[in-house]
Protein backbone atom coordinates (compact mmCIF):
# COMPACT_ATOMS: atom_id res chain seq x y z
CA MET A 1 0.01 -0.03 -0.09
CA THR A 2 1.54 3.28 -1.04
CA LYS A 3 1.32 6.51 1.06
CA ARG A 4 -0.84 7.87 -1.72
CA HIS A 5 -3.72 5.39 -1.18
CA ALA A 6 -3.09 4.47 2.47
CA ASN A 7 -5.92 6.64 3.66
CA TRP A 8 -8.53 5.70 1.00
CA ASP A 9 -7.79 1.88 1.36
CA THR A 10 -8.12 1.65 5.05
CA ARG A 11 -11.57 3.39 5.17
CA SER A 12 -14.72 1.28 5.74
CA LEU A 13 -17.22 0.88 3.04
CA LEU A 14 -19.58 3.19 4.83
CA SER A 15 -17.14 5.89 5.35
CA LYS A 16 -16.41 5.74 1.55
CA SER A 17 -20.06 5.84 0.78
CA ALA A 18 -20.45 8.78 2.96
CA HIS A 19 -17.70 10.64 1.18
CA VAL A 20 -19.26 9.97 -2.22
CA VAL A 21 -22.68 11.21 -1.02
CA GLU A 22 -20.93 14.29 0.44
CA ARG A 23 -19.21 14.98 -3.01
CA ILE A 24 -22.71 14.52 -4.90
CA GLY A 25 -24.09 17.14 -2.44
CA LEU A 26 -21.30 19.55 -3.09
CA ALA A 27 -21.89 18.99 -6.75
CA MET A 28 -25.60 19.79 -6.17
CA ALA A 29 -24.85 22.91 -4.33
CA GLY A 30 -22.59 24.14 -7.14
CA ALA A 31 -25.30 23.14 -9.72
CA ALA A 32 -27.74 25.30 -7.66
CA CYS A 33 -25.39 28.21 -7.64
CA GLY A 34 -25.03 28.07 -11.30
CA LEU A 35 -28.72 27.94 -11.76
CA PHE A 36 -29.39 30.82 -9.51
CA VAL A 37 -26.92 33.08 -11.40
CA ALA A 38 -28.24 31.98 -14.63
CA ALA A 39 -31.66 32.62 -13.47
CA ASN A 40 -30.67 36.26 -12.59
CA LEU A 41 -29.08 36.67 -15.91
CA ILE A 42 -32.17 35.45 -17.57
CA ARG A 43 -34.57 37.50 -15.47
CA SER A 44 -32.57 40.60 -16.46
CA ASN A 45 -33.14 39.77 -20.26
CA VAL A 46 -29.63 38.52 -20.93
CA ASP A 47 -29.88 36.19 -23.67
CA LEU A 48 -28.34 32.76 -22.74
CA GLY A 49 -29.36 30.68 -25.94
CA ALA A 50 -32.65 29.02 -24.93
CA GLY A 51 -31.38 27.42 -21.97
CA GLY A 52 -28.27 25.84 -23.22
CA ILE A 53 -26.03 28.34 -21.33
CA ALA A 54 -27.97 27.88 -18.22
CA LEU A 55 -27.45 24.08 -18.51
CA ALA A 56 -23.88 24.66 -18.97
CA MET A 57 -23.75 26.93 -15.98
CA LEU A 58 -25.60 24.11 -13.96
CA LEU A 59 -22.87 21.47 -15.15
CA PHE A 60 -19.73 23.73 -14.68
CA GLY A 61 -20.96 24.61 -11.30
CA ALA A 62 -21.45 21.10 -10.37
CA VAL A 63 -18.10 20.17 -11.45
CA GLY A 64 -16.45 23.27 -9.68
CA PHE A 65 -18.04 22.22 -6.37
CA TYR A 66 -17.13 18.69 -6.90
CA LEU A 67 -13.60 19.15 -7.86
CA GLY A 68 -12.60 22.47 -6.01
CA ILE A 69 -14.01 22.19 -2.58
CA ASP A 70 -12.80 18.76 -1.50
CA LEU A 71 -9.22 18.94 -2.46
CA PRO A 72 -6.99 15.88 -1.80
CA PRO A 73 -4.43 16.49 0.93
CA PRO A 74 -0.82 16.88 -0.23
CA LEU A 75 1.40 13.88 0.39
CA HIS A 76 3.64 14.11 3.17
CA ASP A 77 6.71 11.91 3.83
CA PRO A 78 6.44 10.81 7.51
CA ASP A 79 10.26 10.28 7.60
CA ALA A 80 10.92 13.98 6.44
CA PRO A 81 11.98 16.42 9.17
CA PRO A 82 9.40 18.98 10.14
CA PRO A 83 9.97 22.40 8.47
CA PRO A 84 11.70 25.23 10.67
CA SER A 85 8.98 27.01 12.79
CA ASP A 86 9.67 30.23 10.96
CA VAL A 87 8.79 28.94 7.63
CA VAL A 88 5.09 29.42 6.88
CA LYS A 89 3.77 27.90 3.67
CA THR A 90 0.57 28.78 1.80
CA ASP A 91 -0.63 26.32 -0.50
CA SER A 92 -1.75 28.24 -3.68
CA VAL A 93 -4.05 25.62 -4.76
CA GLU A 94 -6.08 25.87 -1.57
CA LEU A 95 -6.04 29.68 -1.77
CA PHE A 96 -7.34 29.42 -5.38
CA SER A 97 -10.11 26.92 -4.21
CA ALA A 98 -11.27 29.04 -1.35
CA THR A 99 -11.29 32.25 -3.37
CA GLY A 100 -13.16 30.36 -6.24
CA THR A 101 -15.65 28.95 -3.69
CA PHE A 102 -16.18 32.44 -2.02
CA LEU A 103 -16.85 34.11 -5.62
CA THR A 104 -19.24 31.58 -6.75
CA ALA A 105 -21.18 31.62 -3.40
CA LEU A 106 -21.37 35.35 -3.30
CA ALA A 107 -22.49 35.53 -6.87
CA ALA A 108 -25.23 33.05 -5.91
CA VAL A 109 -26.33 34.74 -2.81
CA ILE A 110 -26.80 38.06 -4.70
CA SER A 111 -28.55 36.30 -7.36
CA VAL A 112 -30.88 34.66 -4.92
CA TYR A 113 -31.45 37.97 -3.19
CA ALA A 114 -32.35 39.61 -6.45
CA ILE A 115 -34.83 36.99 -7.36
CA VAL A 116 -36.44 36.72 -4.08
CA ALA A 117 -36.59 40.39 -3.33
CA ASP A 118 -37.62 41.16 -6.98
CA GLU A 119 -34.75 43.60 -7.23
CA ARG A 120 -34.14 45.04 -10.60
CA MET A 121 -30.38 45.41 -10.89
CA ALA A 122 -28.50 47.40 -13.53
CA LEU A 123 -27.33 45.09 -16.33
CA ALA A 124 -23.74 45.88 -15.84
CA LEU A 125 -24.07 44.64 -12.30
CA VAL A 126 -25.79 41.55 -13.32
CA LEU A 127 -23.27 40.81 -15.92
CA SER A 128 -20.55 41.57 -13.28
CA ILE A 129 -22.24 39.00 -11.09
CA GLY A 130 -22.09 36.41 -13.97
CA VAL A 131 -18.39 37.09 -14.61
CA ALA A 132 -17.59 36.73 -10.99
CA TRP A 133 -19.27 33.29 -10.72
CA MET A 134 -17.59 32.14 -13.94
CA ILE A 135 -14.11 33.31 -12.61
CA GLY A 136 -14.98 31.52 -9.21
CA THR A 137 -16.05 28.49 -10.87
CA THR A 138 -13.06 28.28 -13.18
CA MET A 139 -10.69 28.84 -10.14
CA GLN A 140 -12.49 25.69 -8.39
CA VAL A 141 -12.17 23.63 -11.40
CA ALA A 142 -8.30 24.52 -11.84
CA ALA A 143 -7.67 24.08 -8.20
CA GLY A 144 -9.34 20.61 -8.18
CA VAL A 145 -7.27 19.50 -11.27
CA ILE A 146 -4.04 20.92 -10.14
CA ALA A 147 -4.24 19.28 -6.87
CA ARG A 148 -5.12 15.83 -8.35
CA LEU A 149 -2.33 16.22 -10.89
CA ARG A 150 0.03 17.01 -8.10
CA ARG A 151 -1.22 14.06 -6.04
CA SER A 152 -0.90 11.45 -9.03
CA ALA A 153 2.49 12.74 -9.97
CA ALA A 154 3.74 12.07 -6.40
């Protein structure tokens, strides 16, 4: 058993199943965020091409939350000495994922507010919300892919 697979291989079937259900829940939350932002855009008369873009936003949101929120932990060599206490490291992938999650969730919350409160926003603001959602989701997908590539290369 390699270091890479030790944690997953030693988990019970129930624990593995719970993890899969959790990831599906994250994907559904991402899909909902995408739908709320798409609904806000459609409500503001932004042409999304007969629902095709809304469906794409749903799917991209699901992929973003599935890949970008639950990042695999970095591999650590248990035999390596600990780093000096004055060395503080920031994992750029984790920061990318967190920023992406924040942007997508913020765009969704603002969109839900606009829909529920029947607020009419300026088109530029609605488009900015859509762009923020797209940037955030792209950051989530990129972070998830990079983390998994790092993990598989180790």
